[in-house]
């Protein structure tokens, strides 16, 4: 028994290590599976869903991934965390465009492109300029939210994801959750206008189903807290809008 005990103990130890290894590999696989990323879905007007999701733009599966971009700084743009990961995965595409002054990032400037093959998961990327960091306000992001809605309708996509990425460009001027709320409210208001135009036959019908706001772990809970009342605010404003058609019926030709 004295000779067998250490032997049996070694077997048990090896078995325990094997189980631990299997568990660790399984946990790693689960973490890598972006379908398990924490998310919170909220109902919005026009049967849309606003989703707050703890994920970055590189691994989000979506028809259209939107990124806010600060105005190019000739002294050097900052690429931190999610923005660096995105630029790296795109083979330096973002930095090339900006360093060559071919996408400046002026307020309202847009650029749509298809990511290189085998780089990131979104089908298309839309860059929206928000201007100089020193002049950045919530109105800058409200403007971006309206642009995002109209571009999503123009492209007739079903799933849109938005990552403001301002912290990832070195700006802490705007609270992240406040920025998310401003974007969502104006996105919904602009989308309501589009739906009214469609109802009057003035614009092609679209099939927009959801808008996902991507939030890092530090900002996930606060984004939910701020976006929830922003949706309610948009819904209230929509309900108060004039219902009369935009154009007079029977206009003489």
Protein backbone atom coordinates (compact mmCIF):
# COMPACT_ATOMS: atom_id res chain seq x y z
CA UNK A 1 0.00 0.00 0.00
CA UNK A 2 2.86 2.35 0.75
CA UNK A 3 4.22 1.83 -2.80
CA UNK A 4 0.78 2.12 -4.51
CA UNK A 5 -0.43 5.29 -2.79
CA UNK A 6 1.98 7.70 -4.52
CA UNK A 7 1.28 5.94 -7.85
CA UNK A 8 -2.49 6.26 -7.47
CA UNK A 9 -2.09 9.85 -6.36
CA UNK A 10 -0.08 10.62 -9.51
CA UNK A 11 -2.83 9.07 -11.66
CA UNK A 12 -5.50 11.11 -9.92
CA UNK A 13 -3.37 14.24 -10.31
CA UNK A 14 -2.90 13.62 -14.04
CA UNK A 15 -6.65 13.03 -14.46
CA UNK A 16 -7.43 16.24 -12.60
CA UNK A 17 -4.99 18.17 -14.79
CA UNK A 18 -6.58 16.66 -17.91
CA UNK A 19 -10.02 17.73 -16.78
CA UNK A 20 -8.71 21.21 -15.98
CA UNK A 21 -7.09 21.45 -19.42
CA UNK A 22 -10.31 20.43 -21.18
CA UNK A 23 -12.28 22.93 -19.11
CA UNK A 24 -9.79 25.70 -19.87
CA UNK A 25 -9.90 25.01 -23.61
CA UNK A 26 -13.68 24.92 -23.56
CA UNK A 27 -13.82 28.20 -21.67
CA UNK A 28 -11.41 29.79 -24.16
CA UNK A 29 -13.55 28.61 -27.07
CA UNK A 30 -16.63 30.05 -25.44
CA UNK A 31 -14.93 33.39 -24.86
CA UNK A 32 -13.82 33.49 -28.48
CA UNK A 33 -17.38 32.79 -29.65
CA UNK A 34 -18.73 36.30 -30.24
CA UNK A 35 -22.31 35.01 -30.26
CA UNK A 36 -22.04 34.75 -26.46
CA UNK A 37 -20.97 38.38 -26.00
CA UNK A 38 -23.20 40.06 -23.39
CA UNK A 39 -25.96 42.14 -24.95
CA UNK A 40 -29.16 43.92 -23.96
CA UNK A 41 -32.00 44.47 -26.45
CA UNK A 42 -34.45 47.38 -26.24
CA UNK A 43 -37.64 47.93 -28.26
CA UNK A 44 -37.74 51.05 -30.41
CA UNK A 45 -40.19 52.72 -32.82
CA UNK A 46 -40.95 51.11 -36.19
CA UNK A 47 -40.40 47.61 -34.73
CA UNK A 48 -36.69 48.23 -34.48
CA UNK A 49 -34.44 46.92 -31.74
CA UNK A 50 -31.59 48.86 -30.19
CA UNK A 51 -28.98 46.41 -28.92
CA UNK A 52 -26.20 47.29 -26.50
CA UNK A 53 -23.48 44.70 -27.01
CA UNK A 54 -20.13 44.15 -25.33
CA UNK A 55 -18.11 43.69 -28.49
CA UNK A 56 -15.74 45.56 -30.79
CA UNK A 57 -16.06 46.41 -34.49
CA UNK A 58 -13.51 43.81 -35.61
CA UNK A 59 -15.56 40.76 -34.55
CA UNK A 60 -19.13 42.09 -34.86
CA UNK A 61 -21.15 40.32 -37.55
CA UNK A 62 -23.21 43.03 -39.24
CA UNK A 63 -24.26 44.37 -42.63
CA UNK A 64 -22.88 47.82 -41.91
CA UNK A 65 -20.30 48.79 -39.29
CA UNK A 66 -20.14 52.52 -38.56
CA UNK A 67 -17.12 54.25 -37.00
CA UNK A 68 -16.76 57.89 -35.92
CA UNK A 69 -13.45 59.44 -36.96
CA UNK A 70 -11.88 62.59 -35.55
CA UNK A 71 -10.36 65.09 -37.95
CA UNK A 72 -6.90 64.09 -39.07
CA UNK A 73 -4.08 65.50 -36.97
CA UNK A 74 -0.98 66.11 -39.12
CA UNK A 75 1.11 65.65 -35.98
CA UNK A 76 -0.21 62.10 -35.66
CA UNK A 77 -3.57 60.40 -35.10
CA UNK A 78 -4.05 58.14 -32.10
CA UNK A 79 -5.04 54.49 -32.53
CA UNK A 80 -5.83 52.86 -29.17
CA UNK A 81 -7.38 49.47 -28.32
CA UNK A 82 -10.41 48.90 -30.61
CA UNK A 83 -9.28 51.52 -33.14
CA UNK A 84 -5.77 50.08 -33.27
CA UNK A 85 -7.13 46.56 -33.59
CA UNK A 86 -9.39 47.67 -36.44
CA UNK A 87 -6.62 49.51 -38.29
CA UNK A 88 -4.23 46.58 -37.83
CA UNK A 89 -6.75 44.01 -39.04
CA UNK A 90 -7.46 46.20 -42.09
CA UNK A 91 -3.76 46.27 -42.91
CA UNK A 92 -3.34 49.94 -42.03
CA UNK A 93 -6.18 51.07 -44.33
CA UNK A 94 -7.53 53.72 -41.93
CA UNK A 95 -4.14 55.28 -41.21
CA UNK A 96 -3.23 55.24 -44.91
CA UNK A 97 -6.39 57.13 -45.89
CA UNK A 98 -5.87 59.71 -43.16
CA UNK A 99 -2.12 60.16 -43.51
CA UNK A 100 -2.60 60.74 -47.25
CA UNK A 101 -5.34 63.32 -46.48
CA UNK A 102 -7.84 61.32 -48.52
CA UNK A 103 -10.24 61.06 -45.59
CA UNK A 104 -9.88 64.15 -43.41
CA UNK A 105 -12.67 63.47 -40.91
CA UNK A 106 -14.43 66.83 -41.29
CA UNK A 107 -17.91 66.95 -39.69
CA UNK A 108 -20.33 64.94 -41.81
CA UNK A 109 -17.68 63.58 -44.18
CA UNK A 110 -18.35 59.93 -45.02
CA UNK A 111 -16.50 57.08 -46.66
CA UNK A 112 -17.94 53.64 -47.39
CA UNK A 113 -15.75 50.64 -48.19
CA UNK A 114 -15.71 46.86 -48.19
CA UNK A 115 -13.09 45.35 -45.84
CA UNK A 116 -10.30 43.30 -47.45
CA UNK A 117 -11.00 39.58 -47.66
CA UNK A 118 -10.33 37.58 -44.46
CA UNK A 119 -9.75 40.71 -42.38
CA UNK A 120 -12.80 41.52 -40.20
CA UNK A 121 -16.38 40.23 -39.95
CA UNK A 122 -18.56 43.29 -40.88
CA UNK A 123 -19.69 43.28 -44.51
CA UNK A 124 -19.08 47.00 -45.03
CA UNK A 125 -17.56 49.89 -43.10
CA UNK A 126 -18.89 53.45 -43.04
CA UNK A 127 -16.61 56.14 -41.65
CA UNK A 128 -18.30 59.33 -40.41
CA UNK A 129 -16.16 62.36 -39.66
CA UNK A 130 -16.92 64.30 -36.46
CA UNK A 131 -14.36 67.08 -36.81
CA UNK A 132 -11.64 68.43 -34.54
CA UNK A 133 -11.30 66.87 -31.11
CA UNK A 134 -11.18 70.30 -29.45
CA UNK A 135 -14.59 71.19 -30.94
CA UNK A 136 -16.28 67.88 -30.24
CA UNK A 137 -19.76 68.14 -28.65
CA UNK A 138 -22.84 65.98 -28.27
CA UNK A 139 -24.23 67.80 -31.32
CA UNK A 140 -21.34 66.30 -33.31
CA UNK A 141 -22.59 62.85 -32.41
CA UNK A 142 -26.23 63.77 -32.98
CA UNK A 143 -25.24 64.80 -36.50
CA UNK A 144 -23.43 61.48 -36.96
CA UNK A 145 -26.53 59.61 -35.76
CA UNK A 146 -28.71 61.26 -38.41
CA UNK A 147 -26.18 60.52 -41.12
CA UNK A 148 -25.98 56.90 -39.98
CA UNK A 149 -29.75 56.39 -40.28
CA UNK A 150 -29.97 57.90 -43.76
CA UNK A 151 -26.98 55.97 -45.04
CA UNK A 152 -28.38 52.73 -43.61
CA UNK A 153 -31.65 53.35 -45.47
CA UNK A 154 -29.85 54.29 -48.68
CA UNK A 155 -27.84 51.06 -48.52
CA UNK A 156 -30.99 49.06 -47.58
CA UNK A 157 -29.26 47.04 -44.85
CA UNK A 158 -31.01 45.05 -42.12
CA UNK A 159 -28.39 45.11 -39.36
CA UNK A 160 -26.36 48.20 -38.43
CA UNK A 161 -23.65 48.45 -35.78
CA UNK A 162 -22.15 51.66 -34.42
CA UNK A 163 -18.88 52.13 -32.53
CA UNK A 164 -18.15 55.81 -31.80
CA UNK A 165 -14.53 54.87 -30.87
CA UNK A 166 -13.71 58.33 -29.50
CA UNK A 167 -11.88 56.95 -26.45
CA UNK A 168 -9.94 54.77 -28.88
CA UNK A 169 -8.71 57.91 -30.64
CA UNK A 170 -7.56 59.56 -27.42
CA UNK A 171 -10.61 61.75 -26.72
CA UNK A 172 -12.33 61.81 -23.33
CA UNK A 173 -14.22 65.05 -24.00
CA UNK A 174 -17.65 63.36 -24.10
CA UNK A 175 -19.04 60.79 -21.68
CA UNK A 176 -19.29 57.52 -23.62
CA UNK A 177 -22.85 56.69 -22.56
CA UNK A 178 -24.05 60.25 -23.23
CA UNK A 179 -22.59 59.98 -26.72
CA UNK A 180 -24.30 56.63 -27.31
CA UNK A 181 -27.64 58.10 -26.20
CA UNK A 182 -27.27 61.12 -28.49
CA UNK A 183 -26.52 58.89 -31.47
CA UNK A 184 -29.46 56.56 -30.80
CA UNK A 185 -32.01 59.34 -30.29
CA UNK A 186 -31.11 61.11 -33.53
CA UNK A 187 -30.81 57.85 -35.45
CA UNK A 188 -34.40 56.98 -34.49
CA UNK A 189 -35.73 60.45 -35.34
CA UNK A 190 -34.03 60.45 -38.74
CA UNK A 191 -35.26 56.92 -39.41
CA UNK A 192 -38.82 57.99 -38.61
CA UNK A 193 -38.57 60.68 -41.29
CA UNK A 194 -37.38 58.05 -43.75
CA UNK A 195 -40.33 55.78 -42.89
CA UNK A 196 -42.78 58.65 -43.42
CA UNK A 197 -41.25 59.36 -46.83
CA UNK A 198 -41.55 55.68 -47.68
CA UNK A 199 -45.19 55.64 -46.62
CA UNK A 200 -45.87 58.43 -49.14
CA UNK A 201 -44.02 56.60 -51.91
CA UNK A 202 -41.23 59.19 -51.90
CA UNK A 203 -38.46 56.78 -50.98
CA UNK A 204 -37.84 53.05 -51.57
CA UNK A 205 -38.84 50.74 -48.71
CA UNK A 206 -36.05 49.41 -46.54
CA UNK A 207 -35.72 46.53 -44.09
CA UNK A 208 -33.77 47.98 -41.17
CA UNK A 209 -34.25 45.70 -38.17
CA UNK A 210 -31.73 46.68 -35.52
CA UNK A 211 -29.03 49.08 -34.47
CA UNK A 212 -26.28 47.69 -32.25
CA UNK A 213 -24.27 50.06 -30.09
CA UNK A 214 -20.92 48.48 -29.32
CA UNK A 215 -19.68 49.12 -25.79
CA UNK A 216 -16.59 48.04 -23.92
CA UNK A 217 -16.90 46.28 -20.54
CA UNK A 218 -16.38 49.58 -18.65
CA UNK A 219 -19.25 51.30 -20.46
CA UNK A 220 -21.76 48.50 -21.04
CA UNK A 221 -24.02 49.15 -18.02
CA UNK A 222 -23.92 52.94 -18.34
CA UNK A 223 -24.78 52.69 -22.05
CA UNK A 224 -27.93 50.72 -21.21
CA UNK A 225 -28.83 53.26 -18.52
CA UNK A 226 -28.47 56.26 -20.85
CA UNK A 227 -29.77 54.74 -24.10
CA UNK A 228 -33.03 53.51 -22.53
CA UNK A 229 -34.43 57.03 -21.85
CA UNK A 230 -33.02 58.24 -25.19
CA UNK A 231 -35.27 55.72 -26.96
CA UNK A 232 -38.25 56.89 -24.89
CA UNK A 233 -37.43 60.52 -25.76
CA UNK A 234 -37.28 59.72 -29.48
CA UNK A 235 -40.57 57.82 -29.29
CA UNK A 236 -42.27 60.76 -27.56
CA UNK A 237 -41.00 63.22 -30.17
CA UNK A 238 -42.15 60.92 -32.96
CA UNK A 239 -45.64 60.70 -31.47
CA UNK A 240 -45.82 64.50 -31.38
CA UNK A 241 -44.81 64.96 -35.01
CA UNK A 242 -47.33 66.34 -37.48
CA UNK A 243 -49.14 63.52 -39.29
CA UNK A 244 -50.06 65.48 -42.45
CA UNK A 245 -48.30 64.41 -45.69
CA UNK A 246 -45.12 66.26 -46.66
CA UNK A 247 -46.55 67.22 -50.05
CA UNK A 248 -49.98 68.38 -51.17
CA UNK A 249 -52.05 65.75 -52.95
CA UNK A 250 -53.04 66.51 -56.54
CA UNK A 251 -50.34 69.09 -57.32
CA UNK A 252 -50.79 70.42 -60.86
CA UNK A 253 -48.11 69.27 -63.29
